[in-house]
Amino acid sequence: MLELREIVKHYRIGEGEPVRAVDGVSLTVDEGELVALYGPSGSGKTTLLLLIAALLAPDSGSVSLDGCEISALSDQEAARYRLHELGFVRQTLNLVGGIDAIDNAALKLMGIGMRARRAREQVTPLMDTLGLEDRLRHRPDQLSMGERQRVMIARALSTDPKLVLADEPTGSLDSRRGKEVLELLTGVCRERGLTVVLVTHDPQVAAYADRVYALRDGQLVDHEPEQEAASMMCCAGPVKR
């Protein structure tokens, strides 16, 4: 179970008032549950994920996973947590250009000391599940945007994490490819009983979530689809195919 208790993270820019990126957020997410968080750019969504990932330290409050206080980990313990217990699907597709899809997906396993051949063997069934069985030896520049995102999902899930964080996983995709990625991501996570926190602008996500909230000005509030749709229209950028 993931538990956030009164998490606060403020930033000070110059002499002005501090930016209240996350301002007293409390949330409990049970094992196997998928929670979606909506909100416009600057609402605190990504900051909240970085706090859960122990990439940022809160000003106050705590983050815990299965009773372990993540927000109190040392740098070394936090790195181990991210490698072993956390899967992080980012919007930025940070694939290594010179290697093929199967090696990109296996990088996290290699990072925990697994030999390359064994890492490839372990990640191959996951790549198959994600519909990449015919793309294993393709380099990133030979893959579509949706295929690249699926490689990122395979990498995130390769170590059988307890918790998956997804930051705008469909943000660079058109609606059809976004729907395909959502179906694959949520399907694999539910099959494995993983806890998922997903932040997004994408209105399609609500159909896959157990619970839906919104973040506005750093605070967790009830999700109002009409208001989020208006925010999305204001903040939307060009869609890549």
C-alpha atoms as a PDB file:
ATOM      1  CA  MET A   1       0.000   0.000   0.000  1.00  0.00           C
ATOM      2  CA  LEU A   2       1.193   3.503  -0.891  1.00  0.00           C
ATOM      3  CA  GLU A   3       0.441   6.192   1.660  1.00  0.00           C
ATOM      4  CA  LEU A   4       1.054   9.930   1.384  1.00  0.00           C
ATOM      5  CA  ARG A   5       0.551  11.930   4.578  1.00  0.00           C
ATOM      6  CA  GLU A   6       0.284  15.733   4.355  1.00  0.00           C
ATOM      7  CA  ILE A   7       3.037  16.023   1.748  1.00  0.00           C
ATOM      8  CA  VAL A   8       4.318  19.554   1.183  1.00  0.00           C
ATOM      9  CA  LYS A   9       6.835  20.766  -1.401  1.00  0.00           C
ATOM     10  CA  HIS A  10       7.242  24.494  -2.052  1.00  0.00           C
ATOM     11  CA  TYR A  11       9.736  26.279  -4.304  1.00  0.00           C
ATOM     12  CA  ARG A  12      10.962  29.812  -3.871  1.00  0.00           C
ATOM     13  CA  ILE A  13      11.754  31.758  -7.038  1.00  0.00           C
ATOM     14  CA  GLY A  14      13.527  35.033  -6.463  1.00  0.00           C
ATOM     15  CA  GLU A  15      11.962  37.418  -3.970  1.00  0.00           C
ATOM     16  CA  GLY A  16       8.361  36.483  -4.684  1.00  0.00           C
ATOM     17  CA  GLU A  17       5.937  34.214  -2.885  1.00  0.00           C
ATOM     18  CA  PRO A  18       6.870  30.516  -2.852  1.00  0.00           C
ATOM     19  CA  VAL A  19       5.341  28.259  -5.492  1.00  0.00           C
ATOM     20  CA  ARG A  20       3.137  25.720  -3.702  1.00  0.00           C
ATOM     21  CA  ALA A  21       3.845  22.782  -6.012  1.00  0.00           C
ATOM     22  CA  VAL A  22       2.452  20.207  -3.552  1.00  0.00           C
ATOM     23  CA  ASP A  23       0.533  21.659  -0.634  1.00  0.00           C
ATOM     24  CA  GLY A  24      -0.625  19.160   1.978  1.00  0.00           C
ATOM     25  CA  VAL A  25      -1.547  16.128  -0.158  1.00  0.00           C
ATOM     26  CA  SER A  26      -2.747  12.975   1.607  1.00  0.00           C
ATOM     27  CA  LEU A  27      -3.613   9.859  -0.397  1.00  0.00           C
ATOM     28  CA  THR A  28      -3.749   6.104   0.144  1.00  0.00           C
ATOM     29  CA  VAL A  29      -3.512   3.701  -2.807  1.00  0.00           C
ATOM     30  CA  ASP A  30      -4.113   0.008  -2.125  1.00  0.00           C
ATOM     31  CA  GLU A  31      -2.194  -2.863  -3.658  1.00  0.00           C
ATOM     32  CA  GLY A  32      -3.449  -3.553  -7.170  1.00  0.00           C
ATOM     33  CA  GLU A  33      -5.301  -0.231  -7.399  1.00  0.00           C
ATOM     34  CA  LEU A  34      -4.936   2.312 -10.203  1.00  0.00           C
ATOM     35  CA  VAL A  35      -5.392   5.971  -9.278  1.00  0.00           C
ATOM     36  CA  ALA A  36      -5.408   8.683 -11.938  1.00  0.00           C
ATOM     37  CA  LEU A  37      -4.566  12.317 -11.225  1.00  0.00           C
ATOM     38  CA  TYR A  38      -5.613  15.076 -13.615  1.00  0.00           C
ATOM     39  CA  GLY A  39      -4.475  18.659 -13.675  1.00  0.00           C
ATOM     40  CA  PRO A  40      -3.124  21.405 -15.934  1.00  0.00           C
ATOM     41  CA  SER A  41       0.570  22.116 -16.380  1.00  0.00           C
ATOM     42  CA  GLY A  42       2.011  23.571 -13.195  1.00  0.00           C
ATOM     43  CA  SER A  43      -0.585  21.950 -10.949  1.00  0.00           C
ATOM     44  CA  GLY A  44       2.004  19.830  -9.101  1.00  0.00           C
ATOM     45  CA  LYS A  45       1.433  16.452 -10.767  1.00  0.00           C
ATOM     46  CA  THR A  46       5.017  15.729 -11.783  1.00  0.00           C
ATOM     47  CA  THR A  47       6.405  17.088  -8.510  1.00  0.00           C
ATOM     48  CA  LEU A  48       4.152  14.666  -6.638  1.00  0.00           C
ATOM     49  CA  LEU A  49       5.464  11.736  -8.681  1.00  0.00           C
ATOM     50  CA  LEU A  50       9.064  12.802  -8.064  1.00  0.00           C
ATOM     51  CA  LEU A  51       8.356  12.857  -4.318  1.00  0.00           C
ATOM     52  CA  ILE A  52       6.909   9.332  -4.474  1.00  0.00           C
ATOM     53  CA  ALA A  53       9.955   8.225  -6.497  1.00  0.00           C
ATOM     54  CA  ALA A  54      12.326   9.666  -3.847  1.00  0.00           C
ATOM     55  CA  LEU A  55      13.833  11.947  -6.477  1.00  0.00           C
ATOM     56  CA  LEU A  56      12.735  14.929  -4.393  1.00  0.00           C
ATOM     57  CA  ALA A  57      12.514  15.263  -0.609  1.00  0.00           C
ATOM     58  CA  PRO A  58       9.325  16.776   0.845  1.00  0.00           C
ATOM     59  CA  ASP A  59       9.486  19.908   2.971  1.00  0.00           C
ATOM     60  CA  SER A  60       7.182  18.104   5.375  1.00  0.00           C
ATOM     61  CA  GLY A  61       4.946  15.059   5.488  1.00  0.00           C
ATOM     62  CA  SER A  62       5.862  11.501   4.524  1.00  0.00           C
ATOM     63  CA  VAL A  63       5.640   8.943   1.733  1.00  0.00           C
ATOM     64  CA  SER A  64       5.536   5.247   2.645  1.00  0.00           C
ATOM     65  CA  LEU A  65       5.226   2.015   0.680  1.00  0.00           C
ATOM     66  CA  ASP A  66       4.199  -1.130   2.547  1.00  0.00           C
ATOM     67  CA  GLY A  67       5.143   0.547   5.815  1.00  0.00           C
ATOM     68  CA  CYS A  68       8.613   1.680   4.682  1.00  0.00           C
ATOM     69  CA  GLU A  69       9.010   5.465   4.807  1.00  0.00           C
ATOM     70  CA  ILE A  70      10.354   6.315   1.363  1.00  0.00           C
ATOM     71  CA  SER A  71      10.811   9.978   2.212  1.00  0.00           C
ATOM     72  CA  ALA A  72      13.372   9.044   4.911  1.00  0.00           C
ATOM     73  CA  LEU A  73      15.641   6.886   2.726  1.00  0.00           C
ATOM     74  CA  SER A  74      19.307   7.687   2.235  1.00  0.00           C
ATOM     75  CA  ASP A  75      20.494   8.408  -1.319  1.00  0.00           C
ATOM     76  CA  GLN A  76      21.786   4.843  -1.656  1.00  0.00           C
ATOM     77  CA  GLU A  77      18.584   3.327  -0.274  1.00  0.00           C
ATOM     78  CA  ALA A  78      16.492   5.540  -2.548  1.00  0.00           C
ATOM     79  CA  ALA A  79      18.463   4.400  -5.610  1.00  0.00           C
ATOM     80  CA  ARG A  80      17.888   0.779  -4.633  1.00  0.00           C
ATOM     81  CA  TYR A  81      14.170   1.459  -4.136  1.00  0.00           C
ATOM     82  CA  ARG A  82      13.905   2.948  -7.624  1.00  0.00           C
ATOM     83  CA  LEU A  83      15.718   0.005  -9.195  1.00  0.00           C
ATOM     84  CA  HIS A  84      13.907  -2.808  -7.409  1.00  0.00           C
ATOM     85  CA  GLU A  85      10.521  -1.660  -6.141  1.00  0.00           C
ATOM     86  CA  LEU A  86       9.516   1.167  -8.468  1.00  0.00           C
ATOM     87  CA  GLY A  87       8.625   1.285 -12.142  1.00  0.00           C
ATOM     88  CA  PHE A  88       8.575   4.801 -13.590  1.00  0.00           C
ATOM     89  CA  VAL A  89       7.027   5.365 -17.026  1.00  0.00           C
ATOM     90  CA  ARG A  90       7.973   8.868 -18.114  1.00  0.00           C
ATOM     91  CA  GLN A  91       6.622  10.938 -20.950  1.00  0.00           C
ATOM     92  CA  THR A  92      10.194  11.535 -22.149  1.00  0.00           C
ATOM     93  CA  LEU A  93      11.231   8.528 -24.194  1.00  0.00           C
ATOM     94  CA  ASN A  94      14.831   8.203 -23.018  1.00  0.00           C
ATOM     95  CA  LEU A  95      15.790   5.241 -25.160  1.00  0.00           C
ATOM     96  CA  VAL A  96      19.427   4.640 -26.098  1.00  0.00           C
ATOM     97  CA  GLY A  97      19.709   5.238 -29.822  1.00  0.00           C
ATOM     98  CA  GLY A  98      22.549   2.853 -30.616  1.00  0.00           C
ATOM     99  CA  ILE A  99      20.997  -0.338 -29.241  1.00  0.00           C
ATOM    100  CA  ASP A 100      17.920  -2.321 -30.176  1.00  0.00           C
ATOM    101  CA  ALA A 101      14.557  -2.509 -28.429  1.00  0.00           C
ATOM    102  CA  ILE A 102      15.215  -5.649 -26.397  1.00  0.00           C
ATOM    103  CA  ASP A 103      18.418  -4.201 -24.917  1.00  0.00           C
ATOM    104  CA  ASN A 104      16.687  -0.898 -24.175  1.00  0.00           C
ATOM    105  CA  ALA A 105      13.977  -2.791 -22.312  1.00  0.00           C
ATOM    106  CA  ALA A 106      16.553  -4.853 -20.408  1.00  0.00           C
ATOM    107  CA  LEU A 107      18.684  -1.911 -19.232  1.00  0.00           C
ATOM    108  CA  LYS A 108      17.114  -1.796 -15.766  1.00  0.00           C
ATOM    109  CA  LEU A 109      17.764  -5.495 -15.217  1.00  0.00           C
ATOM    110  CA  MET A 110      21.360  -5.032 -16.306  1.00  0.00           C
ATOM    111  CA  GLY A 111      21.551  -2.113 -13.882  1.00  0.00           C
ATOM    112  CA  ILE A 112      20.848  -4.425 -10.945  1.00  0.00           C
ATOM    113  CA  GLY A 113      23.653  -6.745 -12.034  1.00  0.00           C
ATOM    114  CA  MET A 114      21.902  -9.270 -14.255  1.00  0.00           C
ATOM    115  CA  ARG A 115      23.945 -10.565 -17.197  1.00  0.00           C
ATOM    116  CA  ALA A 116      22.809  -9.242 -20.563  1.00  0.00           C
ATOM    117  CA  ARG A 117      21.715 -12.605 -21.971  1.00  0.00           C
ATOM    118  CA  ARG A 118      19.636 -13.447 -18.902  1.00  0.00           C
ATOM    119  CA  ALA A 119      18.146  -9.923 -18.858  1.00  0.00           C
ATOM    120  CA  ARG A 120      17.030 -10.287 -22.472  1.00  0.00           C
ATOM    121  CA  GLU A 121      15.480 -13.677 -21.730  1.00  0.00           C
ATOM    122  CA  GLN A 122      13.609 -12.296 -18.737  1.00  0.00           C
ATOM    123  CA  VAL A 123      12.193  -9.253 -20.516  1.00  0.00           C
ATOM    124  CA  THR A 124      11.217 -11.046 -23.748  1.00  0.00           C
ATOM    125  CA  PRO A 125       7.832 -12.386 -22.493  1.00  0.00           C
ATOM    126  CA  LEU A 126       6.914  -8.877 -21.364  1.00  0.00           C
ATOM    127  CA  MET A 127       7.858  -7.481 -24.766  1.00  0.00           C
ATOM    128  CA  ASP A 128       5.658 -10.153 -26.340  1.00  0.00           C
ATOM    129  CA  THR A 129       2.739  -9.187 -24.088  1.00  0.00           C
ATOM    130  CA  LEU A 130       3.181  -5.565 -25.159  1.00  0.00           C
ATOM    131  CA  GLY A 131       2.999  -6.524 -28.823  1.00  0.00           C
ATOM    132  CA  LEU A 132       6.686  -6.013 -29.585  1.00  0.00           C
ATOM    133  CA  GLU A 133       7.642  -9.577 -30.474  1.00  0.00           C
ATOM    134  CA  ASP A 134       8.480  -8.505 -34.052  1.00  0.00           C
ATOM    135  CA  ARG A 135      10.379  -5.378 -32.959  1.00  0.00           C
ATOM    136  CA  LEU A 136      12.962  -6.826 -30.570  1.00  0.00           C
ATOM    137  CA  ARG A 137      15.914  -6.116 -32.875  1.00  0.00           C
ATOM    138  CA  HIS A 138      14.722  -2.732 -34.106  1.00  0.00           C
ATOM    139  CA  ARG A 139      16.532   0.404 -32.978  1.00  0.00           C
ATOM    140  CA  PRO A 140      14.491   3.296 -31.534  1.00  0.00           C
ATOM    141  CA  ASP A 141      14.603   5.246 -34.807  1.00  0.00           C
ATOM    142  CA  GLN A 142      12.909   2.269 -36.487  1.00  0.00           C
ATOM    143  CA  LEU A 143       9.990   2.255 -34.022  1.00  0.00           C
ATOM    144  CA  SER A 144       6.809   4.326 -33.938  1.00  0.00           C
ATOM    145  CA  MET A 145       6.170   6.643 -30.989  1.00  0.00           C
ATOM    146  CA  GLY A 146       3.690   4.144 -29.541  1.00  0.00           C
ATOM    147  CA  GLU A 147       6.203   1.307 -29.871  1.00  0.00           C
ATOM    148  CA  ARG A 148       8.871   3.385 -28.159  1.00  0.00           C
ATOM    149  CA  GLN A 149       6.518   4.071 -25.256  1.00  0.00           C
ATOM    150  CA  ARG A 150       5.825   0.335 -24.966  1.00  0.00           C
ATOM    151  CA  VAL A 151       9.572  -0.330 -24.735  1.00  0.00           C
ATOM    152  CA  MET A 152       9.664   2.186 -21.875  1.00  0.00           C
ATOM    153  CA  ILE A 153       6.800   0.337 -20.177  1.00  0.00           C
ATOM    154  CA  ALA A 154       8.650  -2.958 -20.560  1.00  0.00           C
ATOM    155  CA  ARG A 155      11.761  -1.431 -18.982  1.00  0.00           C
ATOM    156  CA  ALA A 156       9.745  -0.006 -16.068  1.00  0.00           C
ATOM    157  CA  LEU A 157       8.019  -3.335 -15.368  1.00  0.00           C
ATOM    158  CA  SER A 158      11.043  -5.579 -15.986  1.00  0.00           C
ATOM    159  CA  THR A 159      12.060  -5.835 -12.306  1.00  0.00           C
ATOM    160  CA  ASP A 160       8.535  -6.757 -11.116  1.00  0.00           C
ATOM    161  CA  PRO A 161       8.113  -3.552  -9.079  1.00  0.00           C
ATOM    162  CA  LYS A 162       5.531  -3.100  -6.327  1.00  0.00           C
ATOM    163  CA  LEU A 163       4.582   0.371  -7.524  1.00  0.00           C
ATOM    164  CA  VAL A 164       4.297   1.935 -10.981  1.00  0.00           C
ATOM    165  CA  LEU A 165       4.297   5.679 -11.600  1.00  0.00           C
ATOM    166  CA  ALA A 166       3.286   6.974 -15.030  1.00  0.00           C
ATOM    167  CA  ASP A 167       3.852  10.604 -15.995  1.00  0.00           C
ATOM    168  CA  GLU A 168       1.740  11.553 -19.023  1.00  0.00           C
ATOM    169  CA  PRO A 169       2.357   8.177 -20.742  1.00  0.00           C
ATOM    170  CA  THR A 170       0.135   9.150 -23.699  1.00  0.00           C
ATOM    171  CA  GLY A 171       1.215  12.786 -23.894  1.00  0.00           C
ATOM    172  CA  SER A 172       3.176  12.422 -27.133  1.00  0.00           C
ATOM    173  CA  LEU A 173       0.670  10.103 -28.850  1.00  0.00           C
ATOM    174  CA  ASP A 174      -2.482  10.600 -30.888  1.00  0.00           C
ATOM    175  CA  SER A 175      -5.746   9.333 -29.368  1.00  0.00           C
ATOM    176  CA  ARG A 176      -5.697   5.922 -31.075  1.00  0.00           C
ATOM    177  CA  ARG A 177      -2.125   5.106 -30.122  1.00  0.00           C
ATOM    178  CA  GLY A 178      -2.740   6.581 -26.681  1.00  0.00           C
ATOM    179  CA  LYS A 179      -5.654   4.203 -26.172  1.00  0.00           C
ATOM    180  CA  GLU A 180      -3.500   1.239 -27.245  1.00  0.00           C
ATOM    181  CA  VAL A 181      -0.756   2.178 -24.776  1.00  0.00           C
ATOM    182  CA  LEU A 182      -3.269   2.682 -21.948  1.00  0.00           C
ATOM    183  CA  GLU A 183      -4.866  -0.694 -22.588  1.00  0.00           C
ATOM    184  CA  LEU A 184      -1.482  -2.430 -22.574  1.00  0.00           C
ATOM    185  CA  LEU A 185      -0.142  -0.578 -19.518  1.00  0.00           C
ATOM    186  CA  THR A 186      -3.239  -1.031 -17.386  1.00  0.00           C
ATOM    187  CA  GLY A 187      -3.757  -4.607 -18.571  1.00  0.00           C
ATOM    188  CA  VAL A 188      -0.237  -5.726 -17.637  1.00  0.00           C
ATOM    189  CA  CYS A 189      -0.355  -3.888 -14.297  1.00  0.00           C
ATOM    190  CA  ARG A 190      -3.709  -5.405 -13.345  1.00  0.00           C
ATOM    191  CA  GLU A 191      -2.542  -8.859 -14.387  1.00  0.00           C
ATOM    192  CA  ARG A 192       0.436  -8.483 -12.045  1.00  0.00           C
ATOM    193  CA  GLY A 193      -1.527  -6.829  -9.228  1.00  0.00           C
ATOM    194  CA  LEU A 194       0.613  -3.689  -9.294  1.00  0.00           C
ATOM    195  CA  THR A 195      -0.206  -0.423  -7.566  1.00  0.00           C
ATOM    196  CA  VAL A 196      -0.333   2.402 -10.128  1.00  0.00           C
ATOM    197  CA  VAL A 197      -0.403   6.196  -9.864  1.00  0.00           C
ATOM    198  CA  LEU A 198      -0.859   7.844 -13.243  1.00  0.00           C
ATOM    199  CA  VAL A 199      -0.874  11.592 -13.920  1.00  0.00           C
ATOM    200  CA  THR A 200      -2.311  12.861 -17.165  1.00  0.00           C
ATOM    201  CA  HIS A 201      -4.220  15.344 -19.283  1.00  0.00           C
ATOM    202  CA  ASP A 202      -5.751  12.489 -21.304  1.00  0.00           C
ATOM    203  CA  PRO A 203      -9.543  12.143 -20.784  1.00  0.00           C
ATOM    204  CA  GLN A 204      -9.346   8.481 -21.859  1.00  0.00           C
ATOM    205  CA  VAL A 205      -7.515   7.529 -18.649  1.00  0.00           C
ATOM    206  CA  ALA A 206     -10.585   7.860 -16.386  1.00  0.00           C
ATOM    207  CA  ALA A 207     -12.131   4.767 -17.983  1.00  0.00           C
ATOM    208  CA  TYR A 208      -9.203   2.613 -16.788  1.00  0.00           C
ATOM    209  CA  ALA A 209      -8.815   3.981 -13.245  1.00  0.00           C
ATOM    210  CA  ASP A 210     -10.320   2.745  -9.985  1.00  0.00           C
ATOM    211  CA  ARG A 211     -10.302   6.295  -8.608  1.00  0.00           C
ATOM    212  CA  VAL A 212      -9.804   9.675 -10.225  1.00  0.00           C
ATOM    213  CA  TYR A 213      -8.696  12.930  -8.594  1.00  0.00           C
ATOM    214  CA  ALA A 214      -7.390  16.287  -9.735  1.00  0.00           C
ATOM    215  CA  LEU A 215      -4.461  18.383  -8.579  1.00  0.00           C
ATOM    216  CA  ARG A 216      -4.936  22.133  -8.613  1.00  0.00           C
ATOM    217  CA  ASP A 217      -2.472  24.568  -7.123  1.00  0.00           C
ATOM    218  CA  GLY A 218      -0.751  21.675  -5.367  1.00  0.00           C
ATOM    219  CA  GLN A 219      -3.880  20.366  -3.654  1.00  0.00           C
ATOM    220  CA  LEU A 220      -5.873  17.184  -4.241  1.00  0.00           C
ATOM    221  CA  VAL A 221      -9.507  17.904  -5.137  1.00  0.00           C
ATOM    222  CA  ASP A 222     -12.477  16.130  -6.683  1.00  0.00           C
ATOM    223  CA  HIS A 223     -12.120  15.444 -10.390  1.00  0.00           C
ATOM    224  CA  GLU A 224     -14.454  17.561 -12.521  1.00  0.00           C
ATOM    225  CA  PRO A 225     -14.188  16.367 -16.135  1.00  0.00           C
ATOM    226  CA  GLU A 226     -15.560  19.567 -17.668  1.00  0.00           C
ATOM    227  CA  GLN A 227     -13.022  21.729 -15.861  1.00  0.00           C
ATOM    228  CA  GLU A 228     -10.144  19.369 -16.682  1.00  0.00           C
ATOM    229  CA  ALA A 229     -11.192  19.309 -20.344  1.00  0.00           C
ATOM    230  CA  ALA A 230     -11.056  23.100 -20.413  1.00  0.00           C
ATOM    231  CA  SER A 231      -7.596  23.001 -18.819  1.00  0.00           C
ATOM    232  CA  MET A 232      -6.437  20.443 -21.370  1.00  0.00           C
ATOM    233  CA  MET A 233      -7.594  22.649 -24.260  1.00  0.00           C
ATOM    234  CA  CYS A 234      -5.592  25.528 -22.813  1.00  0.00           C
ATOM    235  CA  CYS A 235      -2.445  23.518 -22.169  1.00  0.00           C
ATOM    236  CA  ALA A 236      -2.403  21.046 -25.070  1.00  0.00           C
ATOM    237  CA  GLY A 237       0.610  21.059 -27.356  1.00  0.00           C
ATOM    238  CA  PRO A 238       1.108  19.514 -30.807  1.00  0.00           C
ATOM    239  CA  VAL A 239       0.456  15.807 -31.041  1.00  0.00           C
ATOM    240  CA  LYS A 240       3.158  13.605 -32.507  1.00  0.00           C
ATOM    241  CA  ARG A 241       2.332  10.552 -34.561  1.00  0.00           C
END
